[in-house]
Protein backbone atom coordinates (compact mmCIF):
# COMPACT_ATOMS: atom_id res chain seq x y z
CA MET A 1 0.00 0.00 0.00
CA GLY A 2 1.23 3.49 -0.79
CA VAL A 3 2.38 5.86 1.91
CA LEU A 4 -0.58 8.24 1.56
CA SER A 5 -2.93 6.23 -0.61
CA SER A 6 -3.89 2.71 -1.46
CA SER A 7 -1.91 2.19 -4.65
CA PRO A 8 -1.84 -1.36 -6.00
CA SER A 9 0.53 -3.62 -4.08
CA ASN A 10 2.26 -4.72 -7.29
CA MET A 11 3.12 -1.08 -7.96
CA ASP A 12 4.49 -0.68 -4.44
CA ALA A 13 6.61 -3.78 -4.88
CA CYS A 14 7.95 -2.47 -8.19
CA ILE A 15 8.77 0.92 -6.66
CA GLU A 16 10.70 -0.83 -3.89
CA GLU A 17 12.53 -3.01 -6.41
CA CYS A 18 13.45 0.03 -8.52
CA LEU A 19 14.85 1.77 -5.46
CA ARG A 20 16.77 -1.36 -4.49
CA CYS A 21 18.19 -1.58 -8.01
CA MET A 22 19.12 2.10 -8.01
CA ARG A 23 21.04 1.63 -4.79
CA ALA A 24 22.79 -1.52 -6.01
CA CYS A 25 23.82 0.24 -9.21
CA GLU A 26 25.16 3.26 -7.32
CA GLU A 27 27.19 0.98 -5.06
CA CYS A 28 28.42 -1.12 -7.98
CA LEU A 29 29.36 1.96 -9.99
CA THR A 30 31.41 3.29 -7.07
CA ALA A 31 33.13 -0.09 -6.65
CA CYS A 32 33.82 -0.42 -10.38
CA LEU A 33 35.58 2.93 -10.39
CA GLN A 34 38.03 1.48 -7.84
CA GLU A 35 38.82 -1.67 -9.84
CA PRO A 36 42.24 -1.94 -11.52
CA ASP A 37 40.61 -2.72 -14.87
CA VAL A 38 38.38 0.37 -14.84
CA GLN A 39 39.03 1.01 -18.55
CA ALA A 40 37.50 -2.38 -19.38
CA ARG A 41 34.40 -1.34 -17.43
CA VAL A 42 33.58 1.90 -19.21
CA LYS A 43 30.44 0.56 -20.93
CA CYS A 44 29.35 -1.13 -17.71
CA ILE A 45 29.83 2.09 -15.74
CA GLN A 46 27.86 4.08 -18.30
CA THR A 47 25.05 1.54 -18.19
CA LEU A 48 25.07 1.55 -14.38
CA HIS A 49 24.62 5.33 -14.48
CA ASP A 50 21.71 5.01 -16.92
CA CYS A 51 20.15 2.31 -14.74
CA VAL A 52 20.34 4.52 -11.64
CA GLU A 53 18.57 7.34 -13.47
CA ILE A 54 15.81 5.25 -15.05
CA CYS A 55 15.08 3.36 -11.83
CA LEU A 56 14.62 6.65 -9.98
CA THR A 57 12.43 7.94 -12.80
CA ALA A 58 10.30 4.80 -12.88
CA ALA A 59 9.81 4.90 -9.10
CA HIS A 60 8.85 8.58 -9.34
CA PHE A 61 6.31 7.97 -12.14
CA MET A 62 4.75 5.02 -10.31
CA ALA A 63 4.60 6.92 -7.01
CA GLY A 64 2.68 9.66 -8.81
CA ASN A 65 0.42 7.09 -10.50
CA SER A 66 1.34 8.64 -13.85
CA SER A 67 -0.43 7.44 -16.97
CA TYR A 68 3.09 7.08 -18.43
CA SER A 69 4.23 4.61 -15.76
CA ALA A 70 3.89 1.59 -18.04
CA ALA A 71 5.99 3.20 -20.77
CA VAL A 72 8.67 4.28 -18.29
CA CYS A 73 8.68 0.81 -16.70
CA ASN A 74 9.16 -0.71 -20.14
CA ILE A 75 12.31 1.31 -20.84
CA CYS A 76 13.44 0.70 -17.26
CA ALA A 77 13.19 -3.05 -17.86
CA THR A 78 15.24 -2.73 -21.06
CA ILE A 79 18.00 -0.72 -19.36
CA CYS A 80 18.04 -3.02 -16.33
CA GLU A 81 18.45 -6.02 -18.66
CA GLU A 82 21.39 -4.30 -20.37
CA CYS A 83 22.92 -3.42 -17.02
CA ALA A 84 22.57 -7.02 -15.83
CA LYS A 85 24.31 -8.17 -19.02
CA HIS A 86 27.22 -5.75 -18.62
CA CYS A 87 27.66 -6.42 -14.89
CA GLY A 88 27.46 -10.15 -15.57
CA MET A 89 30.64 -9.92 -17.64
CA PHE A 90 32.70 -9.33 -14.49
CA GLU A 91 33.53 -11.87 -11.80
CA ASP A 92 33.72 -9.62 -8.76
CA PRO A 93 30.95 -10.01 -6.15
CA HIS A 94 29.60 -6.46 -6.45
CA CYS A 95 29.00 -6.88 -10.20
CA ARG A 96 27.49 -10.36 -9.79
CA GLU A 97 25.07 -9.20 -7.11
CA CYS A 98 24.19 -6.07 -9.06
CA ALA A 99 23.48 -8.19 -12.14
CA ASN A 100 21.06 -10.33 -10.11
CA ILE A 101 19.27 -7.30 -8.68
CA CYS A 102 19.04 -5.64 -12.11
CA GLY A 103 17.56 -8.83 -13.54
CA SER A 104 14.96 -8.95 -10.79
CA CYS A 105 14.06 -5.29 -11.35
CA ALA A 106 13.80 -5.87 -15.09
CA ASP A 107 11.35 -8.74 -14.53
CA MET A 108 9.21 -6.69 -12.20
CA CYS A 109 9.19 -3.63 -14.47
CA ARG A 110 8.36 -5.78 -17.48
CA LYS A 111 5.24 -7.01 -15.63
CA MET A 112 4.24 -3.42 -14.83
CA SER A 113 4.56 -2.42 -18.49
CA ALA A 114 2.41 -5.26 -19.81
């Protein structure tokens, strides 16, 4: 249930998952910048940044019950899938965990956009 209203529980769950993904991506991005192979991670870092931004945007649109929520969730799912793919290319724990969280967020956002 929403903070001030009774928004659908699936929307609340998706908002929470987007915020969890945003946080994981921020943490992963920070960790990636400290890795010795940072040059090999440029595309991953760029995608992590995009994922942070779209997850925040999707959560914002859903919280406001915007009529554009489904469209924003659709692009959020696409970016989260890309982020999971890029993070999955690296063996370190922060990238592996981030890839899992991004995949989960993508699945949830895909359901919201259907």
